[in-house]
Amino acid sequence: MSVKATIRAGRSHMYWILPGLVVAVLTMLSGPAFAAILIKIDKPTQTMTVSVDGETRYRWPVSTGASGYSTPTGSYAAFRMEKMHYSQEWDGAGMPHSIFFTTRGHAIHGSNHPGMGTPRSHGCVRLSLRNAETLYTLVDSHGMGGTKVVVAGADPSGNWAASSAPPAVRTQGQTFGASQARQRRGPFRGLFRRRR
């Protein structure tokens, strides 16, 4: 085969390969470069923005970690959901509609604690009960695999004390003795203790 014939044969193969490459590149560029659900928590403004397929769907006030209980910044994947979780660290406190995003036990969950919009939690991200249920339903319907949680910014300045709900509402109107609280032990026991 002559050099000219080899070049011609190579060019004819290019006509077959080039369109395939163009289609592959265009598919990658036009496909979403983000999670189906993106939950962005901005600590300086104490807000959460929820986007679905790149479109902002919700913006809510939150309560992140108080002084000494900072909610860790970073990019995380939601990996566990519990309709009702009971905290080992905080006297069996109820954490409705929990979406866990760190293996140390940080979660987004519903709360009726005072101070929404200020850093008052023990490290989790608190939402109002209604907003937490809405978010939980949204993530449940799309699946955790497509859910990304991004916590950004520095903690607001000042000394913020962690708030607790009154004992009567800590576990949806029930109070628990020491033996009942022990029964609610889980994998995250003791992880949110205040560091000295």
Protein backbone atom coordinates (compact mmCIF):
# COMPACT_ATOMS: atom_id res chain seq x y z
CA MET A 1 0.00 0.00 0.00
CA SER A 2 1.39 3.37 -0.99
CA VAL A 3 1.81 6.25 1.43
CA LYS A 4 -1.06 8.12 -0.26
CA ALA A 5 -3.36 5.11 0.07
CA THR A 6 -2.44 4.76 3.76
CA ILE A 7 -3.22 8.44 4.39
CA ARG A 8 -6.53 8.10 2.53
CA ALA A 9 -7.44 5.01 4.57
CA GLY A 10 -6.55 6.85 7.79
CA ARG A 11 -8.74 9.78 6.78
CA SER A 12 -11.71 7.53 6.04
CA HIS A 13 -11.41 6.07 9.56
CA MET A 14 -11.33 9.61 10.94
CA TYR A 15 -14.70 10.26 9.30
CA TRP A 16 -16.12 7.37 11.32
CA ILE A 17 -14.37 8.16 14.62
CA LEU A 18 -14.67 11.96 14.64
CA PRO A 19 -18.50 12.12 14.80
CA GLY A 20 -18.49 9.62 17.66
CA LEU A 21 -15.98 11.72 19.59
CA VAL A 22 -17.96 14.91 18.97
CA VAL A 23 -21.17 13.25 20.23
CA ALA A 24 -19.37 11.92 23.33
CA VAL A 25 -17.88 15.32 24.18
CA LEU A 26 -21.18 17.15 23.64
CA THR A 27 -22.98 14.61 25.83
CA MET A 28 -20.47 15.17 28.64
CA LEU A 29 -20.71 18.95 28.33
CA SER A 30 -24.49 19.07 28.21
CA GLY A 31 -24.97 16.57 31.06
CA PRO A 32 -25.25 17.95 34.59
CA ALA A 33 -21.95 18.48 36.40
CA PHE A 34 -23.71 18.56 39.76
CA ALA A 35 -25.72 16.31 42.04
CA ALA A 36 -29.43 16.00 41.36
CA ILE A 37 -29.99 17.61 44.78
CA LEU A 38 -27.50 20.15 46.09
CA ILE A 39 -27.93 21.30 49.69
CA LYS A 40 -25.76 24.36 50.42
CA ILE A 41 -25.43 25.54 54.00
CA ASP A 42 -23.92 29.01 54.44
CA LYS A 43 -22.73 29.41 58.03
CA PRO A 44 -22.16 33.21 57.96
CA THR A 45 -25.77 33.87 56.89
CA GLN A 46 -27.25 30.77 58.60
CA THR A 47 -29.17 29.82 55.47
CA MET A 48 -29.70 26.68 53.43
CA THR A 49 -30.29 26.71 49.69
CA VAL A 50 -31.67 23.57 48.06
CA SER A 51 -31.24 23.13 44.31
CA VAL A 52 -32.70 20.36 42.18
CA ASP A 53 -30.97 19.74 38.85
CA GLY A 54 -29.32 23.16 39.10
CA GLU A 55 -32.51 25.09 39.79
CA THR A 56 -32.98 26.73 43.20
CA ARG A 57 -36.04 25.26 44.83
CA TYR A 58 -35.85 26.38 48.50
CA ARG A 59 -34.04 28.87 50.73
CA TRP A 60 -34.50 28.45 54.49
CA PRO A 61 -33.00 29.73 57.75
CA VAL A 62 -30.97 27.14 59.66
CA SER A 63 -29.13 26.82 62.94
CA THR A 64 -25.60 25.42 62.73
CA GLY A 65 -23.14 24.68 65.55
CA ALA A 66 -22.83 27.08 68.47
CA SER A 67 -19.46 28.16 69.88
CA GLY A 68 -17.45 25.04 70.64
CA TYR A 69 -19.73 22.82 68.51
CA SER A 70 -18.87 24.04 65.00
CA THR A 71 -20.56 22.32 62.08
CA PRO A 72 -17.67 21.10 59.88
CA THR A 73 -17.21 22.81 56.52
CA GLY A 74 -16.72 20.74 53.39
CA SER A 75 -18.47 18.79 50.68
CA TYR A 76 -20.31 15.62 51.71
CA ALA A 77 -22.65 12.95 50.38
CA ALA A 78 -25.83 12.12 52.25
CA PHE A 79 -25.49 8.50 53.31
CA ARG A 80 -28.19 7.71 55.87
CA MET A 81 -31.74 8.86 56.55
CA GLU A 82 -33.91 8.26 59.60
CA LYS A 83 -37.47 9.46 59.89
CA MET A 84 -36.95 9.77 63.66
CA HIS A 85 -33.50 9.54 65.24
CA TYR A 86 -32.91 9.79 68.99
CA SER A 87 -29.66 11.42 70.08
CA GLN A 88 -27.36 9.48 72.39
CA GLU A 89 -25.40 12.60 73.24
CA TRP A 90 -28.30 14.84 74.22
CA ASP A 91 -30.63 12.90 76.55
CA GLY A 92 -32.50 11.00 73.86
CA ALA A 93 -33.49 14.24 72.10
CA GLY A 94 -35.63 13.60 69.03
CA MET A 95 -34.16 14.51 65.64
CA PRO A 96 -37.02 14.17 63.16
CA HIS A 97 -36.34 13.76 59.44
CA SER A 98 -32.59 13.27 59.87
CA ILE A 99 -30.27 13.22 56.86
CA PHE A 100 -26.75 12.24 57.99
CA PHE A 101 -23.82 13.66 56.03
CA THR A 102 -20.71 12.94 58.16
CA THR A 103 -19.57 9.68 59.69
CA ARG A 104 -19.01 11.58 62.94
CA GLY A 105 -22.79 11.94 63.21
CA HIS A 106 -23.61 15.37 61.79
CA ALA A 107 -27.07 15.52 60.29
CA ILE A 108 -29.62 17.91 58.90
CA HIS A 109 -32.79 17.48 60.97
CA GLY A 110 -35.99 19.12 62.12
CA SER A 111 -36.09 21.12 65.32
CA ASN A 112 -38.38 23.29 67.40
CA HIS A 113 -35.43 24.69 69.38
CA PRO A 114 -35.26 28.47 69.80
CA GLY A 115 -32.76 30.52 67.83
CA MET A 116 -33.38 29.45 64.23
CA GLY A 117 -31.20 31.64 61.99
CA THR A 118 -28.40 31.76 64.58
CA PRO A 119 -25.68 29.18 65.40
CA ARG A 120 -27.32 27.36 68.35
CA SER A 121 -26.98 23.62 67.63
CA HIS A 122 -24.59 21.02 69.02
CA GLY A 123 -23.04 20.55 65.55
CA CYS A 124 -25.95 19.41 63.40
CA VAL A 125 -27.84 21.61 60.96
CA ARG A 126 -31.28 22.40 62.35
CA LEU A 127 -34.26 23.25 60.17
CA SER A 128 -37.83 24.03 61.16
CA LEU A 129 -39.92 20.89 61.48
CA ARG A 130 -41.91 21.67 58.31
CA ASN A 131 -38.82 22.46 56.21
CA ALA A 132 -37.02 19.34 57.44
CA GLU A 133 -39.96 17.19 56.41
CA THR A 134 -40.03 18.84 52.97
CA LEU A 135 -36.29 18.23 52.49
CA TYR A 136 -36.52 14.65 53.74
CA THR A 137 -39.34 13.89 51.30
CA LEU A 138 -37.40 15.48 48.43
CA VAL A 139 -34.22 13.49 49.13
CA ASP A 140 -36.22 10.31 49.69
CA SER A 141 -37.92 10.70 46.31
CA HIS A 142 -34.67 11.38 44.39
CA GLY A 143 -32.44 9.03 46.40
CA MET A 144 -29.45 9.76 48.59
CA GLY A 145 -27.03 8.77 45.81
CA GLY A 146 -27.73 12.03 43.98
CA THR A 147 -27.66 14.25 47.08
CA LYS A 148 -24.67 16.45 47.88
CA VAL A 149 -24.32 18.56 51.05
CA VAL A 150 -21.94 21.53 51.05
CA VAL A 151 -21.23 23.42 54.28
CA ALA A 152 -19.37 26.69 53.64
CA GLY A 153 -18.05 29.72 55.46
CA ALA A 154 -16.78 30.59 58.89
CA ASP A 155 -18.89 30.50 62.03
CA PRO A 156 -20.53 33.85 62.76
CA SER A 157 -18.51 35.94 65.23
CA GLY A 158 -19.57 36.13 68.84
CA ASN A 159 -20.10 33.60 71.59
CA TRP A 160 -23.17 31.53 70.83
CA ALA A 161 -24.60 29.14 73.41
CA ALA A 162 -26.23 25.90 72.27
CA SER A 163 -29.98 25.83 72.87
CA SER A 164 -32.08 22.89 73.93
CA ALA A 165 -35.77 22.30 73.57
CA PRO A 166 -37.77 22.14 76.79
CA PRO A 167 -37.68 18.57 78.23
CA ALA A 168 -41.38 18.07 77.49
CA VAL A 169 -40.81 18.42 73.74
CA ARG A 170 -37.40 16.79 73.41
CA THR A 171 -38.87 13.52 72.25
CA GLN A 172 -42.25 14.55 70.91
CA GLY A 173 -43.93 14.98 74.28
CA GLN A 174 -42.35 11.97 75.99
CA THR A 175 -39.76 12.07 78.73
CA PHE A 176 -37.27 9.26 79.13
CA GLY A 177 -35.52 7.94 82.18
CA ALA A 178 -31.87 6.85 82.18
CA SER A 179 -32.73 3.23 81.36
CA GLN A 180 -34.89 4.24 78.40
CA ALA A 181 -32.24 6.63 77.08
CA ARG A 182 -29.67 3.81 77.29
CA GLN A 183 -31.84 1.72 74.99
CA ARG A 184 -31.48 4.36 72.31
CA ARG A 185 -27.70 3.98 71.99
CA GLY A 186 -26.39 4.20 68.46
CA PRO A 187 -23.18 4.40 66.45
CA PHE A 188 -22.55 8.09 67.20
CA ARG A 189 -22.54 8.00 71.02
CA GLY A 190 -20.39 10.74 72.54
CA LEU A 191 -19.23 12.35 69.29
CA PHE A 192 -20.74 15.77 69.91
CA ARG A 193 -19.33 16.30 73.40
CA ARG A 194 -18.01 19.79 73.84
CA ARG A 195 -14.26 19.97 73.41
CA ARG A 196 -12.42 21.76 76.19
